Amino acid sequence: MRVGDTRAMSRSEDAPAVTMVVAMSADGKITTRDDAGPRFTGPSDKALLRRLRGESDAVVVGAATIINDDPAYPLPAETRRRRLDAGRWETPIRAVVSGRATVPPTARMFHGHESPALTFVGRDADPARVRALAEVSELHRGDHATRVSPAQIVDTLATTHGARKILLEGGGELNSAFLDAGLIHEAYVTISPWLIGGRGVASPIGGDGLNFSDIVPLELRALRVEEGETYLHYRVSLR
């Protein structure tokens, strides 16, 4: 079966909406050679990320992002109040995908929130690491040795926690897995005016890449330029 056919079967009309958000340099890098992450972006990009988090029921991120950046996922007080008034968690659910259970249990995503934190690990993840993560998060095992299917992640967030809006924050390998599964509905892309280079430096979509017959078309919904950065909002048109 072609990758494109798999995508067409994977995304249904009643599935939770998955939004991918990425910030990259002008040459398409989402980090630097020393794994600094997207620290090169400006205040407007960080405000956009806070807004998208505030609108989401759950945030999904890969282990490398937690290990390298250790985000705390703060939200402004007004956003937290609006969420509570709407009957939602004060902050979104946080889910990390760590196939080998390498994410540290001391990470800030596991602490200081009233909403649940979830960890998805592979079937053969180290038992001691799994036990440590189970003490600070709701643990879920995948069916594969060292990875977890995006469909399982989305289904768990939807059926167990009622999530309807999921924000996918990457990195590149996680984005690739969700794209191949046909589970990304829209994308917010920030292009920041820097050049980074590096054949081994990560780009927004990792994995093995697609053949020409399977490349994914995007429909531009909005474009703006602010403080030298270009902000693009796309709808993902899966065939």
C-alpha atoms as a PDB file:
ATOM      1  CA  MET A   1       0.000   0.000   0.000  1.00  0.00           C
ATOM      2  CA  ARG A   2       1.322   3.463  -0.859  1.00  0.00           C
ATOM      3  CA  VAL A   3       1.963   5.950   1.941  1.00  0.00           C
ATOM      4  CA  GLY A   4      -0.632   8.252   0.419  1.00  0.00           C
ATOM      5  CA  ASP A   5      -3.276   5.515   0.614  1.00  0.00           C
ATOM      6  CA  THR A   6      -2.492   4.920   4.283  1.00  0.00           C
ATOM      7  CA  ARG A   7      -3.017   8.594   5.029  1.00  0.00           C
ATOM      8  CA  ALA A   8      -6.381   8.626   3.286  1.00  0.00           C
ATOM      9  CA  MET A   9      -7.580   5.792   5.521  1.00  0.00           C
ATOM     10  CA  SER A  10      -6.193   7.198   8.782  1.00  0.00           C
ATOM     11  CA  ARG A  11      -7.903  10.553   9.199  1.00  0.00           C
ATOM     12  CA  SER A  12     -11.654  10.559   9.799  1.00  0.00           C
ATOM     13  CA  GLU A  13     -14.042  13.460  10.078  1.00  0.00           C
ATOM     14  CA  ASP A  14     -14.772  12.808  13.765  1.00  0.00           C
ATOM     15  CA  ALA A  15     -11.130  12.385  14.810  1.00  0.00           C
ATOM     16  CA  PRO A  16      -9.508  14.976  17.090  1.00  0.00           C
ATOM     17  CA  ALA A  17      -7.920  17.862  15.197  1.00  0.00           C
ATOM     18  CA  VAL A  18      -4.116  17.715  15.279  1.00  0.00           C
ATOM     19  CA  THR A  19      -2.231  20.962  14.687  1.00  0.00           C
ATOM     20  CA  MET A  20       1.502  20.864  14.009  1.00  0.00           C
ATOM     21  CA  VAL A  21       3.486  23.937  15.054  1.00  0.00           C
ATOM     22  CA  VAL A  22       7.093  24.433  13.940  1.00  0.00           C
ATOM     23  CA  ALA A  23       9.602  27.275  14.012  1.00  0.00           C
ATOM     24  CA  MET A  24      12.549  27.073  11.661  1.00  0.00           C
ATOM     25  CA  SER A  25      15.419  29.080  10.241  1.00  0.00           C
ATOM     26  CA  ALA A  26      15.342  30.420   6.694  1.00  0.00           C
ATOM     27  CA  ASP A  27      17.225  27.295   5.587  1.00  0.00           C
ATOM     28  CA  GLY A  28      14.747  24.950   7.254  1.00  0.00           C
ATOM     29  CA  LYS A  29      16.408  24.009  10.555  1.00  0.00           C
ATOM     30  CA  ILE A  30      14.483  23.647  13.828  1.00  0.00           C
ATOM     31  CA  THR A  31      17.555  23.627  16.055  1.00  0.00           C
ATOM     32  CA  THR A  32      21.279  24.298  15.972  1.00  0.00           C
ATOM     33  CA  ARG A  33      24.295  22.019  15.917  1.00  0.00           C
ATOM     34  CA  ASP A  34      24.528  22.257  19.718  1.00  0.00           C
ATOM     35  CA  ASP A  35      20.811  21.391  20.177  1.00  0.00           C
ATOM     36  CA  ALA A  36      19.730  24.855  21.312  1.00  0.00           C
ATOM     37  CA  GLY A  37      16.226  24.322  19.933  1.00  0.00           C
ATOM     38  CA  PRO A  38      14.249  27.183  18.341  1.00  0.00           C
ATOM     39  CA  ARG A  39      15.715  29.816  20.657  1.00  0.00           C
ATOM     40  CA  PHE A  40      16.502  31.903  17.589  1.00  0.00           C
ATOM     41  CA  THR A  41      12.858  32.944  17.202  1.00  0.00           C
ATOM     42  CA  GLY A  42      11.492  36.267  18.433  1.00  0.00           C
ATOM     43  CA  PRO A  43       8.814  37.263  20.973  1.00  0.00           C
ATOM     44  CA  SER A  44       5.959  37.046  18.448  1.00  0.00           C
ATOM     45  CA  ASP A  45       6.688  33.401  17.736  1.00  0.00           C
ATOM     46  CA  LYS A  46       6.750  32.581  21.431  1.00  0.00           C
ATOM     47  CA  ALA A  47       3.432  34.433  21.849  1.00  0.00           C
ATOM     48  CA  LEU A  48       1.959  32.352  19.015  1.00  0.00           C
ATOM     49  CA  LEU A  49       3.087  29.157  20.723  1.00  0.00           C
ATOM     50  CA  ARG A  50       1.477  30.245  24.000  1.00  0.00           C
ATOM     51  CA  ARG A  51      -1.765  31.059  22.171  1.00  0.00           C
ATOM     52  CA  LEU A  52      -1.886  27.681  20.446  1.00  0.00           C
ATOM     53  CA  ARG A  53      -1.156  25.885  23.701  1.00  0.00           C
ATOM     54  CA  GLY A  54      -3.913  27.868  25.381  1.00  0.00           C
ATOM     55  CA  GLU A  55      -6.391  26.772  22.704  1.00  0.00           C
ATOM     56  CA  SER A  56      -5.422  23.080  22.882  1.00  0.00           C
ATOM     57  CA  ASP A  57      -6.703  20.253  25.042  1.00  0.00           C
ATOM     58  CA  ALA A  58      -3.396  18.399  24.847  1.00  0.00           C
ATOM     59  CA  VAL A  59       0.196  18.981  23.747  1.00  0.00           C
ATOM     60  CA  VAL A  60       2.280  16.129  22.293  1.00  0.00           C
ATOM     61  CA  VAL A  61       6.055  16.336  22.154  1.00  0.00           C
ATOM     62  CA  GLY A  62       9.031  14.051  21.565  1.00  0.00           C
ATOM     63  CA  ALA A  63      11.554  13.011  24.187  1.00  0.00           C
ATOM     64  CA  ALA A  64      14.444  14.966  22.646  1.00  0.00           C
ATOM     65  CA  THR A  65      12.552  18.242  23.060  1.00  0.00           C
ATOM     66  CA  ILE A  66      11.955  17.542  26.746  1.00  0.00           C
ATOM     67  CA  ILE A  67      15.561  16.446  27.302  1.00  0.00           C
ATOM     68  CA  ASN A  68      17.116  19.409  25.462  1.00  0.00           C
ATOM     69  CA  ASP A  69      14.670  22.243  26.263  1.00  0.00           C
ATOM     70  CA  ASP A  70      12.799  21.098  29.409  1.00  0.00           C
ATOM     71  CA  PRO A  71       9.738  23.297  28.703  1.00  0.00           C
ATOM     72  CA  ALA A  72       7.521  24.248  31.640  1.00  0.00           C
ATOM     73  CA  TYR A  73       4.383  25.050  29.555  1.00  0.00           C
ATOM     74  CA  PRO A  74       3.341  28.238  31.376  1.00  0.00           C
ATOM     75  CA  LEU A  75       0.192  30.080  30.328  1.00  0.00           C
ATOM     76  CA  PRO A  76      -0.894  33.662  31.113  1.00  0.00           C
ATOM     77  CA  ALA A  77      -3.288  34.049  34.045  1.00  0.00           C
ATOM     78  CA  GLU A  78      -6.100  35.304  31.789  1.00  0.00           C
ATOM     79  CA  THR A  79      -5.796  32.250  29.534  1.00  0.00           C
ATOM     80  CA  ARG A  80      -5.937  29.922  32.545  1.00  0.00           C
ATOM     81  CA  ARG A  81      -9.062  31.689  33.818  1.00  0.00           C
ATOM     82  CA  ARG A  82     -10.781  31.372  30.443  1.00  0.00           C
ATOM     83  CA  ARG A  83     -10.007  27.685  30.315  1.00  0.00           C
ATOM     84  CA  LEU A  84     -11.396  27.124  33.801  1.00  0.00           C
ATOM     85  CA  ASP A  85     -14.521  29.118  32.996  1.00  0.00           C
ATOM     86  CA  ALA A  86     -15.040  26.883  29.951  1.00  0.00           C
ATOM     87  CA  GLY A  87     -14.813  23.739  32.084  1.00  0.00           C
ATOM     88  CA  ARG A  88     -11.362  22.765  30.827  1.00  0.00           C
ATOM     89  CA  TRP A  89      -8.111  22.010  32.591  1.00  0.00           C
ATOM     90  CA  GLU A  90      -6.293  25.181  33.603  1.00  0.00           C
ATOM     91  CA  THR A  91      -3.365  24.062  31.432  1.00  0.00           C
ATOM     92  CA  PRO A  92      -3.428  21.501  28.614  1.00  0.00           C
ATOM     93  CA  ILE A  93      -2.581  17.856  29.109  1.00  0.00           C
ATOM     94  CA  ARG A  94       1.073  17.196  28.300  1.00  0.00           C
ATOM     95  CA  ALA A  95       2.106  13.978  26.548  1.00  0.00           C
ATOM     96  CA  VAL A  96       5.667  12.958  25.757  1.00  0.00           C
ATOM     97  CA  VAL A  97       6.594  10.154  23.367  1.00  0.00           C
ATOM     98  CA  SER A  98       9.726   8.424  24.655  1.00  0.00           C
ATOM     99  CA  GLY A  99      10.086   5.052  22.983  1.00  0.00           C
ATOM    100  CA  ARG A 100      13.080   4.020  25.088  1.00  0.00           C
ATOM    101  CA  ALA A 101      11.832   5.814  28.242  1.00  0.00           C
ATOM    102  CA  THR A 102      14.853   8.133  28.235  1.00  0.00           C
ATOM    103  CA  VAL A 103      12.968  11.282  29.250  1.00  0.00           C
ATOM    104  CA  PRO A 104      13.884  12.183  32.865  1.00  0.00           C
ATOM    105  CA  PRO A 105      11.127  12.024  35.509  1.00  0.00           C
ATOM    106  CA  THR A 106      12.441  15.338  36.876  1.00  0.00           C
ATOM    107  CA  ALA A 107      11.358  17.171  33.692  1.00  0.00           C
ATOM    108  CA  ARG A 108       9.207  20.227  34.345  1.00  0.00           C
ATOM    109  CA  MET A 109       6.365  18.925  32.179  1.00  0.00           C
ATOM    110  CA  PHE A 110       5.591  16.407  34.950  1.00  0.00           C
ATOM    111  CA  HIS A 111       5.413  18.896  37.790  1.00  0.00           C
ATOM    112  CA  GLY A 112       3.481  22.018  38.765  1.00  0.00           C
ATOM    113  CA  HIS A 113       0.331  21.316  36.718  1.00  0.00           C
ATOM    114  CA  GLU A 114      -3.108  20.195  37.795  1.00  0.00           C
ATOM    115  CA  SER A 115      -3.795  18.542  34.433  1.00  0.00           C
ATOM    116  CA  PRO A 116      -2.508  15.029  33.666  1.00  0.00           C
ATOM    117  CA  ALA A 117       0.896  14.282  32.181  1.00  0.00           C
ATOM    118  CA  LEU A 118       1.214  11.210  29.966  1.00  0.00           C
ATOM    119  CA  THR A 119       4.285   9.242  28.879  1.00  0.00           C
ATOM    120  CA  PHE A 120       4.164   6.871  25.910  1.00  0.00           C
ATOM    121  CA  VAL A 121       6.952   4.277  25.834  1.00  0.00           C
ATOM    122  CA  GLY A 122       7.826   1.348  23.608  1.00  0.00           C
ATOM    123  CA  ARG A 123       7.086  -2.263  24.516  1.00  0.00           C
ATOM    124  CA  ASP A 124      10.728  -3.041  25.356  1.00  0.00           C
ATOM    125  CA  ALA A 125      11.593   0.153  27.262  1.00  0.00           C
ATOM    126  CA  ASP A 126      13.902  -0.262  30.263  1.00  0.00           C
ATOM    127  CA  PRO A 127      11.758  -1.433  33.235  1.00  0.00           C
ATOM    128  CA  ALA A 128      13.487   0.750  35.827  1.00  0.00           C
ATOM    129  CA  ARG A 129      13.026   3.877  33.705  1.00  0.00           C
ATOM    130  CA  VAL A 130       9.411   2.945  33.066  1.00  0.00           C
ATOM    131  CA  ARG A 131       8.738   2.575  36.805  1.00  0.00           C
ATOM    132  CA  ALA A 132      10.282   5.984  37.490  1.00  0.00           C
ATOM    133  CA  LEU A 133       8.156   7.641  34.805  1.00  0.00           C
ATOM    134  CA  ALA A 134       5.019   5.866  36.061  1.00  0.00           C
ATOM    135  CA  GLU A 135       5.496   7.630  39.398  1.00  0.00           C
ATOM    136  CA  VAL A 136       5.183  11.090  37.822  1.00  0.00           C
ATOM    137  CA  SER A 137       2.889  10.450  34.840  1.00  0.00           C
ATOM    138  CA  GLU A 138       0.175   8.290  33.375  1.00  0.00           C
ATOM    139  CA  LEU A 139       2.137   5.608  31.515  1.00  0.00           C
ATOM    140  CA  HIS A 140       1.117   3.975  28.242  1.00  0.00           C
ATOM    141  CA  ARG A 141       3.005   1.249  26.365  1.00  0.00           C
ATOM    142  CA  GLY A 142       3.098   0.916  22.606  1.00  0.00           C
ATOM    143  CA  ASP A 143       2.937  -2.332  20.636  1.00  0.00           C
ATOM    144  CA  HIS A 144       6.360  -1.790  19.023  1.00  0.00           C
ATOM    145  CA  ALA A 145       9.727  -2.370  20.672  1.00  0.00           C
ATOM    146  CA  THR A 146      10.942   1.225  20.803  1.00  0.00           C
ATOM    147  CA  ARG A 147       8.187   3.358  19.305  1.00  0.00           C
ATOM    148  CA  VAL A 148       4.522   4.217  19.741  1.00  0.00           C
ATOM    149  CA  SER A 149       2.050   4.657  16.917  1.00  0.00           C
ATOM    150  CA  PRO A 150       0.552   8.144  16.497  1.00  0.00           C
ATOM    151  CA  ALA A 151      -2.896   6.552  16.189  1.00  0.00           C
ATOM    152  CA  GLN A 152      -2.546   5.085  19.696  1.00  0.00           C
ATOM    153  CA  ILE A 153      -1.477   8.464  21.071  1.00  0.00           C
ATOM    154  CA  VAL A 154      -4.406  10.315  19.519  1.00  0.00           C
ATOM    155  CA  ASP A 155      -6.888   7.590  20.485  1.00  0.00           C
ATOM    156  CA  THR A 156      -5.682   7.562  24.097  1.00  0.00           C
ATOM    157  CA  LEU A 157      -5.931  11.337  24.434  1.00  0.00           C
ATOM    158  CA  ALA A 158      -9.389  11.326  22.851  1.00  0.00           C
ATOM    159  CA  THR A 159     -10.981   8.362  24.608  1.00  0.00           C
ATOM    160  CA  THR A 160      -9.304   8.635  28.017  1.00  0.00           C
ATOM    161  CA  HIS A 161      -9.200  12.407  28.375  1.00  0.00           C
ATOM    162  CA  GLY A 162     -11.733  13.720  25.860  1.00  0.00           C
ATOM    163  CA  ALA A 163      -9.139  15.705  23.890  1.00  0.00           C
ATOM    164  CA  ARG A 164     -10.513  17.246  20.693  1.00  0.00           C
ATOM    165  CA  LYS A 165      -7.705  19.698  19.878  1.00  0.00           C
ATOM    166  CA  ILE A 166      -4.159  18.335  19.988  1.00  0.00           C
ATOM    167  CA  LEU A 167      -1.052  20.449  19.463  1.00  0.00           C
ATOM    168  CA  LEU A 168       1.924  18.595  17.976  1.00  0.00           C
ATOM    169  CA  GLU A 169       5.169  20.346  18.945  1.00  0.00           C
ATOM    170  CA  GLY A 170       7.632  17.892  17.370  1.00  0.00           C
ATOM    171  CA  GLY A 171      10.511  17.372  16.876  1.00  0.00           C
ATOM    172  CA  GLY A 172      11.064  16.221  13.358  1.00  0.00           C
ATOM    173  CA  GLU A 173      10.802  12.461  13.883  1.00  0.00           C
ATOM    174  CA  LEU A 174       7.516  12.753  15.746  1.00  0.00           C
ATOM    175  CA  ASN A 175       6.151  15.133  13.101  1.00  0.00           C
ATOM    176  CA  SER A 176       7.159  12.631  10.421  1.00  0.00           C
ATOM    177  CA  ALA A 177       5.370   9.781  12.183  1.00  0.00           C
ATOM    178  CA  PHE A 178       2.152  11.804  12.478  1.00  0.00           C
ATOM    179  CA  LEU A 179       2.374  12.902   8.842  1.00  0.00           C
ATOM    180  CA  ASP A 180       2.875   9.334   7.632  1.00  0.00           C
ATOM    181  CA  ALA A 181      -0.127   8.280   9.715  1.00  0.00           C
ATOM    182  CA  GLY A 182      -2.284  10.963   8.078  1.00  0.00           C
ATOM    183  CA  LEU A 183      -3.125  12.602  11.388  1.00  0.00           C
ATOM    184  CA  ILE A 184      -2.066  16.223  10.878  1.00  0.00           C
ATOM    185  CA  HIS A 185      -4.933  18.568  10.007  1.00  0.00           C
ATOM    186  CA  GLU A 186      -3.198  21.958   9.964  1.00  0.00           C
ATOM    187  CA  ALA A 187       0.235  23.481  10.410  1.00  0.00           C
ATOM    188  CA  TYR A 188       1.602  26.744  11.777  1.00  0.00           C
ATOM    189  CA  VAL A 189       5.069  27.462  10.416  1.00  0.00           C
ATOM    190  CA  THR A 190       7.310  30.316  11.545  1.00  0.00           C
ATOM    191  CA  ILE A 191      10.292  31.184   9.342  1.00  0.00           C
ATOM    192  CA  SER A 192      12.936  33.099  11.272  1.00  0.00           C
ATOM    193  CA  PRO A 193      15.639  35.152   9.487  1.00  0.00           C
ATOM    194  CA  TRP A 194      18.683  33.076  10.374  1.00  0.00           C
ATOM    195  CA  LEU A 195      20.914  30.598   8.535  1.00  0.00           C
ATOM    196  CA  ILE A 196      22.097  27.557  10.490  1.00  0.00           C
ATOM    197  CA  GLY A 197      23.187  24.855   8.037  1.00  0.00           C
ATOM    198  CA  GLY A 198      24.397  21.377   8.874  1.00  0.00           C
ATOM    199  CA  ARG A 199      23.556  18.152   7.076  1.00  0.00           C
ATOM    200  CA  GLY A 200      22.797  16.493  10.388  1.00  0.00           C
ATOM    201  CA  VAL A 201      20.804  19.343  11.932  1.00  0.00           C
ATOM    202  CA  ALA A 202      17.108  18.541  12.261  1.00  0.00           C
ATOM    203  CA  SER A 203      14.398  19.888   9.969  1.00  0.00           C
ATOM    204  CA  PRO A 204      10.655  20.135  10.714  1.00  0.00           C
ATOM    205  CA  ILE A 205       9.852  16.744   9.141  1.00  0.00           C
ATOM    206  CA  GLY A 206      12.334  13.939   9.739  1.00  0.00           C
ATOM    207  CA  GLY A 207      11.951  10.281   8.871  1.00  0.00           C
ATOM    208  CA  ASP A 208      12.848   8.823   5.487  1.00  0.00           C
ATOM    209  CA  GLY A 209      11.022  11.445   3.428  1.00  0.00           C
ATOM    210  CA  LEU A 210       8.419  10.905   0.707  1.00  0.00           C
ATOM    211  CA  ASN A 211       8.511   9.991  -2.946  1.00  0.00           C
ATOM    212  CA  PHE A 212       7.286  12.630  -5.386  1.00  0.00           C
ATOM    213  CA  SER A 213       3.993  10.791  -5.884  1.00  0.00           C
ATOM    214  CA  ASP A 214       3.267  11.015  -2.149  1.00  0.00           C
ATOM    215  CA  ILE A 215       4.232  14.600  -1.248  1.00  0.00           C
ATOM    216  CA  VAL A 216       1.571  16.324   0.839  1.00  0.00           C
ATOM    217  CA  PRO A 217      -0.150  19.466  -0.513  1.00  0.00           C
ATOM    218  CA  LEU A 218      -0.877  22.405   1.767  1.00  0.00           C
ATOM    219  CA  GLU A 219      -3.570  25.056   1.483  1.00  0.00           C
ATOM    220  CA  LEU A 220      -2.431  28.481   2.667  1.00  0.00           C
ATOM    221  CA  ARG A 221      -4.928  29.994   5.092  1.00  0.00           C
ATOM    222  CA  ALA A 222      -2.997  33.008   6.406  1.00  0.00           C
ATOM    223  CA  LEU A 223       0.327  34.797   6.026  1.00  0.00           C
ATOM    224  CA  ARG A 224       1.857  37.661   7.961  1.00  0.00           C
ATOM    225  CA  VAL A 225       5.300  39.171   8.476  1.00  0.00           C
ATOM    226  CA  GLU A 226       6.221  40.642  11.842  1.00  0.00           C
ATOM    227  CA  GLU A 227       9.595  41.757  13.164  1.00  0.00           C
ATOM    228  CA  GLY A 228      11.398  40.014  10.328  1.00  0.00           C
ATOM    229  CA  GLU A 229       9.684  36.669  10.843  1.00  0.00           C
ATOM    230  CA  THR A 230       7.188  35.100   8.430  1.00  0.00           C
ATOM    231  CA  TYR A 231       4.147  33.343   9.890  1.00  0.00           C
ATOM    232  CA  LEU A 232       2.294  30.797   7.765  1.00  0.00           C
ATOM    233  CA  HIS A 233      -0.903  28.920   8.580  1.00  0.00           C
ATOM    234  CA  TYR A 234      -1.717  25.934   6.383  1.00  0.00           C
ATOM    235  CA  ARG A 235      -4.470  23.386   6.079  1.00  0.00           C
ATOM    236  CA  VAL A 236      -3.086  19.936   5.315  1.00  0.00           C
ATOM    237  CA  SER A 237      -4.827  18.480   2.242  1.00  0.00           C
ATOM    238  CA  LEU A 238      -4.331  14.746   2.469  1.00  0.00           C
ATOM    239  CA  ARG A 239      -5.173  12.866  -0.690  1.00  0.00           C
END
